[in-house]
Amino acid sequence: MTGNCSFEAVDQLMKPLELVIYVPIFLIGLFCNLGALYVFCCSLSKWTETTIYMTSLALMDLVLLIPLPFKMHAANHLWPAHLQPFCSVLESLYFFGIYGSIYTITSIAIDRWLAICHPFKPGSGVHVKKPWDLRMCVVLVLIVVSTTISSFRKGGQAEFHCFHSFSTAGWRPVVIICLQVFGFLLPAMVLVFCSVKLIRTLQQSGQQSPQSRAYVKYTYSSMCAFLLPLTPCHLAILLQFLVHQGVIQDCGAQARISLFIQLSLCLSNVTSCLDALCYYFITLEVKSARHSFRLSTVGLRRPTCSTSEV
């Protein structure tokens, strides 16, 4: 309840809806990401920068999926007070998975943009270092941020709903601004910029190879996997922030925002399934590159064979 407004009807509506949404997402996401890990780790003979990024993304999606069964249970059941530490671990894993996948997709976009739009030129004296340091910094920041989630929970509750009942500290302006800017807006702007530049470069080059087409398809799919599920939920968080700040006081509007934020947060988990499109196009790209390498190798060998026969 916010002020004198009751959201009991919204909560009752969301209880069955969450199960309808979460169960398919959990099963499909688990199947796709475990399958992707098997392909990247066991089927591909050579590890590249791309496959390392994709493996990281699959792991982040699995981290996101692990808390979902507990989230489904918590939506319909009160948990005893002694499970507060366990709930904090689950909430930290959940947010770590969401924003870890966001930054992984953004890192892939930057890596592709640099590789295709600004390739390394021999003799230029420029050395491009693999972004391991950047990845480690991102992981450390995510760990620190995720571990602070427990401080936003209301204390002194005998029974509680895990993943719900956050205190007003979690809705402070500085928290929401940092979440919106660094958790969504900045990565989204970087992703769109790099993706548009990459697609434009490939189209202007006139290349019609399977590898180029796979690049374009992957770029579109990664933007969809990022923007479609995550834009509505961050818009809903902004609206809910306005409710907590007293800007929106109408009970009807607050009820609609409550429904919007719960529904959009549920649907945001579908990103773990949409990433499967990225895995598919990356696999096509790797196979295409391997096939092109074999053809070029055969082309180099043929003159040698013909010369030896003369």
Protein backbone atom coordinates (compact mmCIF):
# COMPACT_ATOMS: atom_id res chain seq x y z
CA MET A 1 0.00 0.00 0.00
CA THR A 2 1.23 3.51 -0.92
CA GLY A 3 -0.48 6.21 1.11
CA ASN A 4 -4.18 5.34 1.29
CA CYS A 5 -4.18 3.32 -1.94
CA SER A 6 -4.65 -0.45 -1.93
CA PHE A 7 -3.14 -2.71 -4.61
CA GLU A 8 -4.64 -5.99 -3.40
CA ALA A 9 -6.47 -6.50 -6.72
CA VAL A 10 -3.23 -6.01 -8.66
CA ASP A 11 -1.38 -8.50 -6.45
CA GLN A 12 -4.13 -11.09 -6.84
CA LEU A 13 -4.05 -10.66 -10.62
CA MET A 14 -0.27 -11.02 -10.79
CA LYS A 15 -0.06 -14.25 -8.78
CA PRO A 16 -1.30 -16.55 -11.60
CA LEU A 17 0.23 -14.34 -14.31
CA GLU A 18 3.70 -14.68 -12.82
CA LEU A 19 3.48 -18.46 -13.01
CA VAL A 20 2.26 -18.33 -16.61
CA ILE A 21 5.18 -16.06 -17.55
CA TYR A 22 7.97 -17.49 -15.40
CA VAL A 23 7.55 -21.22 -16.06
CA PRO A 24 8.07 -21.04 -19.88
CA ILE A 25 10.88 -18.49 -19.48
CA PHE A 26 12.67 -20.70 -16.96
CA LEU A 27 12.35 -23.91 -18.99
CA ILE A 28 13.17 -22.38 -22.39
CA GLY A 29 15.96 -20.21 -21.00
CA LEU A 30 17.53 -23.12 -19.12
CA PHE A 31 17.43 -25.35 -22.22
CA CYS A 32 18.81 -22.67 -24.57
CA ASN A 33 21.62 -21.47 -22.31
CA LEU A 34 22.77 -24.93 -21.23
CA GLY A 35 22.71 -25.94 -24.90
CA ALA A 36 24.72 -22.84 -25.81
CA LEU A 37 27.32 -23.64 -23.16
CA TYR A 38 27.61 -27.18 -24.51
CA VAL A 39 28.08 -25.92 -28.07
CA PHE A 40 30.63 -23.25 -27.14
CA CYS A 41 32.60 -25.46 -24.73
CA CYS A 42 32.40 -28.88 -26.41
CA SER A 43 31.47 -28.54 -30.09
CA LEU A 44 33.62 -25.59 -31.19
CA SER A 45 37.24 -26.65 -31.49
CA LYS A 46 38.69 -23.12 -31.29
CA TRP A 47 37.92 -20.44 -28.73
CA THR A 48 37.72 -16.91 -30.06
CA GLU A 49 36.97 -13.55 -28.48
CA THR A 50 33.39 -13.95 -29.72
CA THR A 51 32.82 -17.37 -28.17
CA ILE A 52 34.28 -16.17 -24.86
CA TYR A 53 31.81 -13.27 -24.83
CA MET A 54 28.92 -15.59 -25.74
CA THR A 55 29.90 -18.05 -23.00
CA SER A 56 29.93 -15.16 -20.52
CA LEU A 57 26.46 -14.10 -21.69
CA ALA A 58 25.09 -17.64 -21.31
CA LEU A 59 26.52 -17.83 -17.79
CA MET A 60 24.93 -14.47 -16.89
CA ASP A 61 21.57 -15.70 -18.20
CA LEU A 62 21.86 -18.84 -16.08
CA VAL A 63 22.65 -16.70 -13.02
CA LEU A 64 19.45 -14.76 -13.80
CA LEU A 65 17.42 -17.97 -14.16
CA ILE A 66 18.59 -19.66 -10.94
CA PRO A 67 16.47 -17.45 -8.60
CA LEU A 68 13.29 -17.68 -10.73
CA PRO A 69 11.80 -20.81 -9.04
CA PHE A 70 12.31 -19.15 -5.65
CA LYS A 71 10.82 -15.92 -7.04
CA MET A 72 7.73 -17.87 -8.15
CA HIS A 73 7.38 -19.40 -4.68
CA ALA A 74 7.89 -16.06 -2.92
CA ALA A 75 5.15 -14.42 -4.97
CA ASN A 76 2.55 -16.70 -3.37
CA HIS A 77 4.06 -17.51 0.02
CA LEU A 78 5.42 -15.60 3.00
CA TRP A 79 8.92 -16.59 4.06
CA PRO A 80 10.00 -16.83 7.74
CA ALA A 81 12.40 -14.23 9.10
CA HIS A 82 15.38 -16.60 9.31
CA LEU A 83 15.41 -16.87 5.49
CA GLN A 84 16.27 -13.17 5.09
CA PRO A 85 19.99 -13.89 4.38
CA PHE A 86 19.08 -16.54 1.80
CA CYS A 87 16.63 -14.12 0.19
CA SER A 88 19.37 -11.48 -0.02
CA VAL A 89 21.62 -13.96 -1.83
CA LEU A 90 18.86 -14.76 -4.34
CA GLU A 91 18.09 -11.07 -4.93
CA SER A 92 21.79 -10.34 -5.44
CA LEU A 93 22.09 -13.19 -7.96
CA TYR A 94 19.01 -11.94 -9.79
CA PHE A 95 20.24 -8.37 -10.19
CA PHE A 96 23.77 -9.58 -10.94
CA GLY A 97 22.36 -11.71 -13.78
CA ILE A 98 20.23 -8.89 -15.24
CA TYR A 99 22.87 -6.18 -15.27
CA GLY A 100 25.67 -8.63 -15.99
CA SER A 101 23.90 -9.63 -19.21
CA ILE A 102 23.30 -5.95 -20.03
CA TYR A 103 26.99 -5.12 -19.78
CA THR A 104 28.02 -8.31 -21.57
CA ILE A 105 25.80 -7.46 -24.55
CA THR A 106 27.21 -3.92 -24.51
CA SER A 107 30.78 -5.24 -24.40
CA ILE A 108 30.06 -7.50 -27.38
CA ALA A 109 28.72 -4.51 -29.32
CA ILE A 110 31.85 -2.47 -28.55
CA ASP A 111 34.09 -5.40 -29.50
CA ARG A 112 32.28 -5.88 -32.83
CA TRP A 113 32.34 -2.16 -33.59
CA LEU A 114 36.09 -1.96 -32.99
CA ALA A 115 36.78 -5.14 -34.97
CA ILE A 116 34.73 -4.20 -38.05
CA CYS A 117 34.63 -0.40 -38.12
CA HIS A 118 38.14 0.21 -36.74
CA PRO A 119 40.16 -2.91 -37.55
CA PHE A 120 43.81 -3.20 -36.53
CA LYS A 121 46.08 -2.14 -39.37
CA PRO A 122 49.58 -3.70 -39.52
CA GLY A 123 52.37 -1.15 -39.29
CA SER A 124 50.22 1.49 -37.63
CA GLY A 125 51.98 1.01 -34.30
CA VAL A 126 48.66 0.63 -32.50
CA HIS A 127 48.31 -2.26 -30.07
CA VAL A 128 44.78 -3.30 -29.17
CA LYS A 129 44.72 -5.02 -25.77
CA LYS A 130 42.09 -7.62 -24.99
CA PRO A 131 39.54 -6.06 -22.62
CA TRP A 132 40.14 -8.46 -19.72
CA ASP A 133 40.77 -5.59 -17.32
CA LEU A 134 37.48 -3.95 -18.33
CA ARG A 135 35.58 -7.20 -17.82
CA MET A 136 37.06 -7.72 -14.38
CA CYS A 137 36.15 -4.14 -13.39
CA VAL A 138 32.57 -4.67 -14.57
CA VAL A 139 32.29 -7.94 -12.63
CA LEU A 140 33.68 -6.35 -9.46
CA VAL A 141 31.27 -3.40 -9.72
CA LEU A 142 28.35 -5.78 -10.24
CA ILE A 143 29.37 -7.82 -7.20
CA VAL A 144 29.59 -4.71 -5.01
CA VAL A 145 26.25 -3.36 -6.26
CA SER A 146 24.51 -6.73 -5.91
CA THR A 147 25.66 -7.20 -2.33
CA THR A 148 24.08 -3.86 -1.35
CA ILE A 149 20.59 -5.06 -2.35
CA SER A 150 19.97 -6.42 1.17
CA SER A 151 20.35 -2.91 2.62
CA PHE A 152 17.25 -1.83 0.67
CA ARG A 153 14.99 -4.37 2.39
CA LYS A 154 12.62 -3.44 5.21
CA GLY A 155 13.87 -4.77 8.53
CA GLY A 156 12.05 -6.13 11.56
CA GLN A 157 9.60 -8.32 9.61
CA ALA A 158 8.55 -11.65 11.15
CA GLU A 159 7.40 -12.91 7.75
CA PHE A 160 8.10 -11.35 4.39
CA HIS A 161 7.77 -11.72 0.62
CA CYS A 162 11.20 -12.20 -0.92
CA PHE A 163 11.83 -9.95 -3.96
CA HIS A 164 9.21 -7.56 -2.55
CA SER A 165 8.85 -5.05 0.31
CA PHE A 166 11.90 -2.89 -0.39
CA SER A 167 12.38 0.07 1.94
CA THR A 168 12.25 3.72 0.94
CA ALA A 169 16.08 3.70 0.84
CA GLY A 170 15.85 1.73 -2.38
CA TRP A 171 13.82 4.53 -3.97
CA ARG A 172 16.15 7.41 -3.15
CA PRO A 173 16.84 9.71 -6.14
CA VAL A 174 20.57 8.89 -6.22
CA VAL A 175 19.84 5.14 -6.36
CA ILE A 176 17.26 5.40 -9.15
CA ILE A 177 19.34 7.88 -11.17
CA CYS A 178 22.39 5.60 -11.03
CA LEU A 179 20.24 2.59 -11.92
CA GLN A 180 18.63 4.31 -14.89
CA VAL A 181 21.78 5.98 -16.24
CA PHE A 182 24.46 3.35 -15.64
CA GLY A 183 22.20 0.31 -15.62
CA PHE A 184 20.19 1.06 -18.77
CA LEU A 185 20.47 4.39 -20.60
CA LEU A 186 24.26 4.46 -21.04
CA PRO A 187 24.55 0.79 -22.13
CA ALA A 188 21.53 1.23 -24.44
CA MET A 189 23.05 4.31 -26.11
CA VAL A 190 26.39 2.52 -26.57
CA LEU A 191 24.66 -0.56 -27.98
CA VAL A 192 22.54 1.40 -30.47
CA PHE A 193 25.50 3.56 -31.57
CA CYS A 194 27.81 0.59 -32.13
CA SER A 195 25.09 -1.47 -33.82
CA VAL A 196 24.06 1.29 -36.24
CA LYS A 197 27.70 1.99 -37.15
CA LEU A 198 28.39 -1.72 -37.66
CA ILE A 199 25.35 -2.31 -39.89
CA ARG A 200 26.09 0.81 -41.93
CA THR A 201 29.73 -0.23 -42.42
CA LEU A 202 28.76 -3.71 -43.59
CA GLN A 203 26.10 -2.38 -45.97
CA GLN A 204 28.45 0.22 -47.46
CA SER A 205 31.15 -2.41 -47.98
CA GLY A 206 28.82 -4.33 -50.30
CA GLN A 207 29.82 -7.67 -48.80
CA GLN A 208 27.22 -10.43 -49.20
CA SER A 209 29.15 -13.28 -47.60
CA PRO A 210 27.38 -15.58 -45.12
CA GLN A 211 29.62 -14.23 -42.39
CA SER A 212 28.57 -10.62 -43.12
CA ARG A 213 24.90 -11.58 -43.15
CA ALA A 214 25.39 -13.38 -39.83
CA TYR A 215 26.97 -10.21 -38.41
CA VAL A 216 23.92 -8.14 -39.42
CA LYS A 217 21.41 -10.69 -38.12
CA TYR A 218 23.29 -10.99 -34.84
CA THR A 219 23.35 -7.20 -34.45
CA TYR A 220 19.60 -6.89 -34.95
CA SER A 221 18.88 -9.80 -32.60
CA SER A 222 21.12 -8.41 -29.85
CA MET A 223 19.35 -5.03 -30.02
CA CYS A 224 15.97 -6.77 -29.78
CA ALA A 225 17.14 -8.96 -26.88
CA PHE A 226 18.27 -5.82 -25.06
CA LEU A 227 15.71 -3.12 -25.87
CA LEU A 228 12.41 -5.02 -26.08
CA PRO A 229 12.43 -6.62 -22.60
CA LEU A 230 14.42 -4.00 -20.68
CA THR A 231 12.98 -0.68 -21.91
CA PRO A 232 9.47 -1.18 -20.42
CA CYS A 233 10.74 -2.31 -17.01
CA HIS A 234 13.10 0.65 -16.61
CA LEU A 235 10.30 3.00 -17.68
CA ALA A 236 8.10 1.34 -15.05
CA ILE A 237 10.82 1.81 -12.41
CA LEU A 238 10.92 5.51 -13.27
CA LEU A 239 7.14 5.80 -12.91
CA GLN A 240 7.19 3.93 -9.60
CA PHE A 241 9.92 6.30 -8.42
CA LEU A 242 7.59 9.23 -9.18
CA VAL A 243 4.92 7.51 -7.08
CA HIS A 244 7.32 7.18 -4.13
CA GLN A 245 8.31 10.84 -4.52
CA GLY A 246 4.65 11.90 -4.31
CA VAL A 247 4.52 13.24 -7.88
CA ILE A 248 1.78 10.76 -8.87
CA GLN A 249 -0.91 10.61 -6.15
CA ASP A 250 -4.01 9.35 -7.96
CA CYS A 251 -4.85 5.85 -6.70
CA GLY A 252 -6.01 4.66 -10.11
CA ALA A 253 -2.76 5.77 -11.73
CA GLN A 254 -0.76 4.17 -8.92
CA ALA A 255 -2.60 0.87 -9.38
CA ARG A 256 -1.90 0.89 -13.13
CA ILE A 257 1.77 1.67 -12.48
CA SER A 258 1.93 -1.14 -9.91
CA LEU A 259 0.55 -3.57 -12.50
CA PHE A 260 2.89 -2.19 -15.17
CA ILE A 261 6.04 -2.54 -13.07
CA GLN A 262 5.23 -6.08 -11.91
CA LEU A 263 4.30 -7.24 -15.41
CA SER A 264 7.27 -5.57 -17.12
CA LEU A 265 9.72 -6.95 -14.55
CA CYS A 266 8.34 -10.43 -15.20
CA LEU A 267 8.65 -10.03 -18.97
CA SER A 268 12.16 -8.57 -18.69
CA ASN A 269 13.41 -12.07 -17.87
CA VAL A 270 12.60 -13.12 -21.44
CA THR A 271 15.97 -11.62 -22.41
CA SER A 272 17.50 -14.92 -21.26
CA CYS A 273 15.50 -16.63 -24.03
CA LEU A 274 16.00 -13.97 -26.71
CA ASP A 275 19.76 -14.26 -26.28
CA ALA A 276 19.38 -17.69 -27.91
CA LEU A 277 18.99 -15.84 -31.24
CA CYS A 278 22.42 -14.31 -30.66
CA TYR A 279 23.90 -17.74 -29.97
CA TYR A 280 22.37 -19.11 -33.18
CA PHE A 281 23.78 -16.38 -35.42
CA ILE A 282 27.16 -16.51 -33.70
CA THR A 283 27.32 -20.26 -34.34
CA LEU A 284 26.50 -19.63 -38.01
CA GLU A 285 29.22 -17.01 -38.13
CA VAL A 286 31.84 -19.30 -36.60
CA LYS A 287 30.92 -22.14 -38.96
CA SER A 288 31.01 -19.74 -41.92
CA ALA A 289 34.43 -18.46 -40.91
CA ARG A 290 35.70 -22.02 -40.52
CA HIS A 291 34.31 -22.96 -43.96
CA SER A 292 35.92 -19.88 -45.56
CA PHE A 293 39.24 -20.80 -43.94
CA ARG A 294 39.04 -24.33 -45.34
CA LEU A 295 38.25 -23.04 -48.83
CA SER A 296 41.18 -20.62 -48.71
CA THR A 297 43.45 -23.42 -47.49
CA VAL A 298 42.37 -25.68 -50.36
CA GLY A 299 42.90 -22.81 -52.80
CA LEU A 300 46.45 -22.36 -51.54
CA ARG A 301 47.22 -26.07 -51.76
CA ARG A 302 45.99 -26.64 -55.32
CA PRO A 303 48.78 -24.76 -57.15
CA THR A 304 51.35 -26.63 -55.08
CA CYS A 305 49.88 -29.99 -56.09
CA SER A 306 49.69 -29.07 -59.78
CA THR A 307 53.25 -27.81 -59.76
CA SER A 308 54.56 -31.01 -58.22
CA GLU A 309 52.83 -33.05 -60.88
CA VAL A 310 54.48 -31.20 -63.77
